[in-house]
Every structure is written in structure tokens, then in C-alpha cells.
C-alpha atoms as a PDB file:
ATOM      1  CA  UNK A   1     112.687 134.246 103.147  1.00  0.00           C
ATOM      2  CA  UNK A   2     110.841 133.119 100.336  1.00  0.00           C
ATOM      3  CA  UNK A   3     107.268 131.923 100.593  1.00  0.00           C
ATOM      4  CA  UNK A   4     105.309 129.496  97.975  1.00  0.00           C
ATOM      5  CA  UNK A   5     102.323 127.590  98.455  1.00  0.00           C
ATOM      6  CA  UNK A   6     100.084 124.446  96.871  1.00  0.00           C
ATOM      7  CA  UNK A   7      97.484 125.518  93.799  1.00  0.00           C
ATOM      8  CA  UNK A   8      94.645 126.036  96.689  1.00  0.00           C
ATOM      9  CA  UNK A   9      96.962 127.837  98.667  1.00  0.00           C
ATOM     10  CA  UNK A  10      96.027 125.148 101.848  1.00  0.00           C
ATOM     11  CA  UNK A  11      99.689 124.011 102.208  1.00  0.00           C
ATOM     12  CA  UNK A  12     102.447 126.870 102.486  1.00  0.00           C
ATOM     13  CA  UNK A  13     106.087 126.674 102.372  1.00  0.00           C
ATOM     14  CA  UNK A  14     108.552 128.893 103.373  1.00  0.00           C
ATOM     15  CA  UNK A  15     112.343 128.175 102.467  1.00  0.00           C
ATOM     16  CA  UNK A  16     115.365 130.721 103.747  1.00  0.00           C
ATOM     17  CA  UNK A  17     116.777 131.954 100.035  1.00  0.00           C
ATOM     18  CA  UNK A  18     116.573 131.364  96.256  1.00  0.00           C
ATOM     19  CA  UNK A  19     118.085 128.193  95.349  1.00  0.00           C
ATOM     20  CA  UNK A  20     121.488 128.031  93.035  1.00  0.00           C
ATOM     21  CA  UNK A  21     119.936 125.608  90.781  1.00  0.00           C
ATOM     22  CA  UNK A  22     117.138 123.406  91.070  1.00  0.00           C
ATOM     23  CA  UNK A  23     117.103 119.942  89.813  1.00  0.00           C
ATOM     24  CA  UNK A  24     114.397 118.264  87.162  1.00  0.00           C
ATOM     25  CA  UNK A  25     114.889 114.333  88.218  1.00  0.00           C
ATOM     26  CA  UNK A  26     113.807 112.034  85.586  1.00  0.00           C
ATOM     27  CA  UNK A  27     113.512 109.075  88.063  1.00  0.00           C
ATOM     28  CA  UNK A  28     109.774 107.196  88.057  1.00  0.00           C
ATOM     29  CA  UNK A  29     108.126 109.622  90.862  1.00  0.00           C
ATOM     30  CA  UNK A  30     110.091 113.116  89.703  1.00  0.00           C
ATOM     31  CA  UNK A  31     108.965 112.898  86.103  1.00  0.00           C
ATOM     32  CA  UNK A  32     105.659 112.485  87.114  1.00  0.00           C
ATOM     33  CA  UNK A  33     105.272 114.729  89.361  1.00  0.00           C
ATOM     34  CA  UNK A  34     107.059 117.295  87.122  1.00  0.00           C
ATOM     35  CA  UNK A  35     108.823 118.615  90.191  1.00  0.00           C
ATOM     36  CA  UNK A  36     111.760 120.936  90.391  1.00  0.00           C
ATOM     37  CA  UNK A  37     113.538 120.270  93.464  1.00  0.00           C
ATOM     38  CA  UNK A  38     115.258 123.280  95.592  1.00  0.00           C
ATOM     39  CA  UNK A  39     117.371 121.259  98.460  1.00  0.00           C
ATOM     40  CA  UNK A  40     117.159 122.954 101.846  1.00  0.00           C
ATOM     41  CA  UNK A  41     118.429 121.538 105.642  1.00  0.00           C
ATOM     42  CA  UNK A  42     115.623 120.197 107.192  1.00  0.00           C
ATOM     43  CA  UNK A  43     115.308 122.684 109.566  1.00  0.00           C
ATOM     44  CA  UNK A  44     115.409 125.420 107.820  1.00  0.00           C
ATOM     45  CA  UNK A  45     112.245 124.928 105.699  1.00  0.00           C
ATOM     46  CA  UNK A  46     108.779 125.765 107.211  1.00  0.00           C
ATOM     47  CA  UNK A  47     105.756 123.644 106.332  1.00  0.00           C
ATOM     48  CA  UNK A  48     102.677 125.190 107.037  1.00  0.00           C
ATOM     49  CA  UNK A  49      99.338 122.917 106.672  1.00  0.00           C
ATOM     50  CA  UNK A  50      95.928 122.616 108.663  1.00  0.00           C
ATOM     51  CA  UNK A  51      95.758 119.412 110.384  1.00  0.00           C
ATOM     52  CA  UNK A  52      94.869 116.869 107.942  1.00  0.00           C
ATOM     53  CA  UNK A  53      95.440 118.764 104.860  1.00  0.00           C
ATOM     54  CA  UNK A  54      98.482 116.970 103.717  1.00  0.00           C
ATOM     55  CA  UNK A  55      99.253 113.305 102.873  1.00  0.00           C
ATOM     56  CA  UNK A  56     102.389 111.209 101.909  1.00  0.00           C
ATOM     57  CA  UNK A  57     103.293 108.814  99.737  1.00  0.00           C
ATOM     58  CA  UNK A  58     106.445 106.394  99.620  1.00  0.00           C
ATOM     59  CA  UNK A  59     107.957 103.389  98.137  1.00  0.00           C
ATOM     60  CA  UNK A  60     110.042 100.274  97.549  1.00  0.00           C
ATOM     61  CA  UNK A  61     112.723 101.128 100.434  1.00  0.00           C
ATOM     62  CA  UNK A  62     111.039 103.747 101.988  1.00  0.00           C
ATOM     63  CA  UNK A  63     113.791 106.100 102.684  1.00  0.00           C
ATOM     64  CA  UNK A  64     111.765 109.617 101.373  1.00  0.00           C
ATOM     65  CA  UNK A  65     108.062 110.804 101.795  1.00  0.00           C
ATOM     66  CA  UNK A  66     106.532 112.947  99.282  1.00  0.00           C
ATOM     67  CA  UNK A  67     103.857 115.238 100.440  1.00  0.00           C
ATOM     68  CA  UNK A  68     100.884 116.917  98.804  1.00  0.00           C
ATOM     69  CA  UNK A  69      98.046 118.777  99.225  1.00  0.00           C
ATOM     70  CA  UNK A  70      94.899 116.760  99.914  1.00  0.00           C
ATOM     71  CA  UNK A  71      92.750 119.276  98.028  1.00  0.00           C
ATOM     72  CA  UNK A  72      94.247 120.010  95.210  1.00  0.00           C
ATOM     73  CA  UNK A  73      97.275 117.366  94.577  1.00  0.00           C
ATOM     74  CA  UNK A  74     100.038 119.263  94.522  1.00  0.00           C
ATOM     75  CA  UNK A  75     103.014 118.219  95.539  1.00  0.00           C
ATOM     76  CA  UNK A  76     105.037 120.180  98.088  1.00  0.00           C
ATOM     77  CA  UNK A  77     107.994 118.765  99.243  1.00  0.00           C
ATOM     78  CA  UNK A  78     110.079 115.168  99.683  1.00  0.00           C
ATOM     79  CA  UNK A  79     111.797 114.086 103.458  1.00  0.00           C
ATOM     80  CA  UNK A  80     113.342 111.361 104.441  1.00  0.00           C
ATOM     81  CA  UNK A  81     111.141 109.173 106.960  1.00  0.00           C
ATOM     82  CA  UNK A  82     113.866 108.886 109.327  1.00  0.00           C
ATOM     83  CA  UNK A  83     115.332 112.461 109.374  1.00  0.00           C
ATOM     84  CA  UNK A  84     118.707 113.257 111.314  1.00  0.00           C
ATOM     85  CA  UNK A  85     120.237 116.282 112.614  1.00  0.00           C
ATOM     86  CA  UNK A  86     122.095 116.363 108.847  1.00  0.00           C
ATOM     87  CA  UNK A  87     119.074 115.884 106.851  1.00  0.00           C
ATOM     88  CA  UNK A  88     118.003 117.585 103.461  1.00  0.00           C
ATOM     89  CA  UNK A  89     114.611 117.757 102.327  1.00  0.00           C
ATOM     90  CA  UNK A  90     113.459 118.386  98.486  1.00  0.00           C
ATOM     91  CA  UNK A  91     110.982 121.495  97.955  1.00  0.00           C
ATOM     92  CA  UNK A  92     108.837 121.539  95.283  1.00  0.00           C
ATOM     93  CA  UNK A  93     110.164 125.018  93.727  1.00  0.00           C
ATOM     94  CA  UNK A  94     107.039 125.004  90.996  1.00  0.00           C
ATOM     95  CA  UNK A  95     104.856 125.972  94.000  1.00  0.00           C
ATOM     96  CA  UNK A  96     106.988 129.461  94.233  1.00  0.00           C
ATOM     97  CA  UNK A  97     106.501 133.134  92.189  1.00  0.00           C
ATOM     98  CA  UNK A  98     106.867 131.889  88.177  1.00  0.00           C
ATOM     99  CA  UNK A  99     109.521 135.401  88.419  1.00  0.00           C
ATOM    100  CA  UNK A 100     111.393 133.300  91.049  1.00  0.00           C
ATOM    101  CA  UNK A 101     111.620 129.842  88.554  1.00  0.00           C
ATOM    102  CA  UNK A 102     112.331 131.647  85.837  1.00  0.00           C
ATOM    103  CA  UNK A 103     115.801 133.058  87.456  1.00  0.00           C
ATOM    104  CA  UNK A 104     117.238 129.975  88.445  1.00  0.00           C
ATOM    105  CA  UNK A 105     118.871 127.328  86.858  1.00  0.00           C
ATOM    106  CA  UNK A 106     118.064 124.183  86.115  1.00  0.00           C
ATOM    107  CA  UNK A 107     120.031 121.078  86.735  1.00  0.00           C
ATOM    108  CA  UNK A 108     118.828 117.712  85.267  1.00  0.00           C
ATOM    109  CA  UNK A 109     119.585 114.849  86.957  1.00  0.00           C
ATOM    110  CA  UNK A 110     119.630 111.083  85.486  1.00  0.00           C
ATOM    111  CA  UNK A 111     117.886 109.720  88.637  1.00  0.00           C
ATOM    112  CA  UNK A 112     116.241 106.770  86.647  1.00  0.00           C
ATOM    113  CA  UNK A 113     119.497 105.826  86.005  1.00  0.00           C
ATOM    114  CA  UNK A 114     120.493 105.081  89.205  1.00  0.00           C
ATOM    115  CA  UNK A 115     119.745 101.790  91.304  1.00  0.00           C
ATOM    116  CA  UNK A 116     118.151 102.837  94.277  1.00  0.00           C
ATOM    117  CA  UNK A 117     117.360 106.077  93.925  1.00  0.00           C
ATOM    118  CA  UNK A 118     116.720 108.476  97.054  1.00  0.00           C
ATOM    119  CA  UNK A 119     117.645 111.944  95.713  1.00  0.00           C
END
């Protein structure tokens, strides 16, 4: 298990293992967030925060919500608004230790070219 957190530590994330690669997406939201996404099945990720410590943002077709810390603003995860038993989520791997980040391959994704981009 690996643990990460937003800048102020109010939101903590635990993932089951290091990803093989992370995704650097250039879609309209990801390039603004500057996130590097690691993907995991929804039930394998733990997001811990006090009630009211997070906010989420969704737009367009409202398929995904991006969760961020209310205090420091760091984006932590994205997840489906209507999850199923097989749903995946994206974890912002930039919220983990720098040595972990430096040890993983970064995959470029041209999300800006996709029509109806949903990760």
C-alpha cells in the first residue's frame, strides 16, 4: 500500500501498489490541473478526509467528478458520478512522494483530440 496526500494533508489517498505508468493528458481539465493520473479499480483506493474537507467539480456530460481539497485546492482523484461494480478511478500521482513519481513511466494521452473525452 502507498499513501499520498494533498499539499496541506487534509485529504489522504491510499493505493494498493505503484502504477506501471501514469497518464499525462492534455484535455481541457487535465492540462489545467497538471495532474498525472494513475488508474485503479474504485474499491481498491481509499480517500480519507474529514466531512466537508473536499469539493468536486464536474462539467459537460457529467460523467466524472474531480475531487479536490477545499483548503489547499489540490486535485486528488477523479471518479465516475454513477459508479458500477467495474468502475475505475484516476488518482493524481503527483500527490505521492517524489521518488515514487520519478520511478514511473509517463504516458502521453491526446485527450484534447477526443470528442466527448471521459478518460
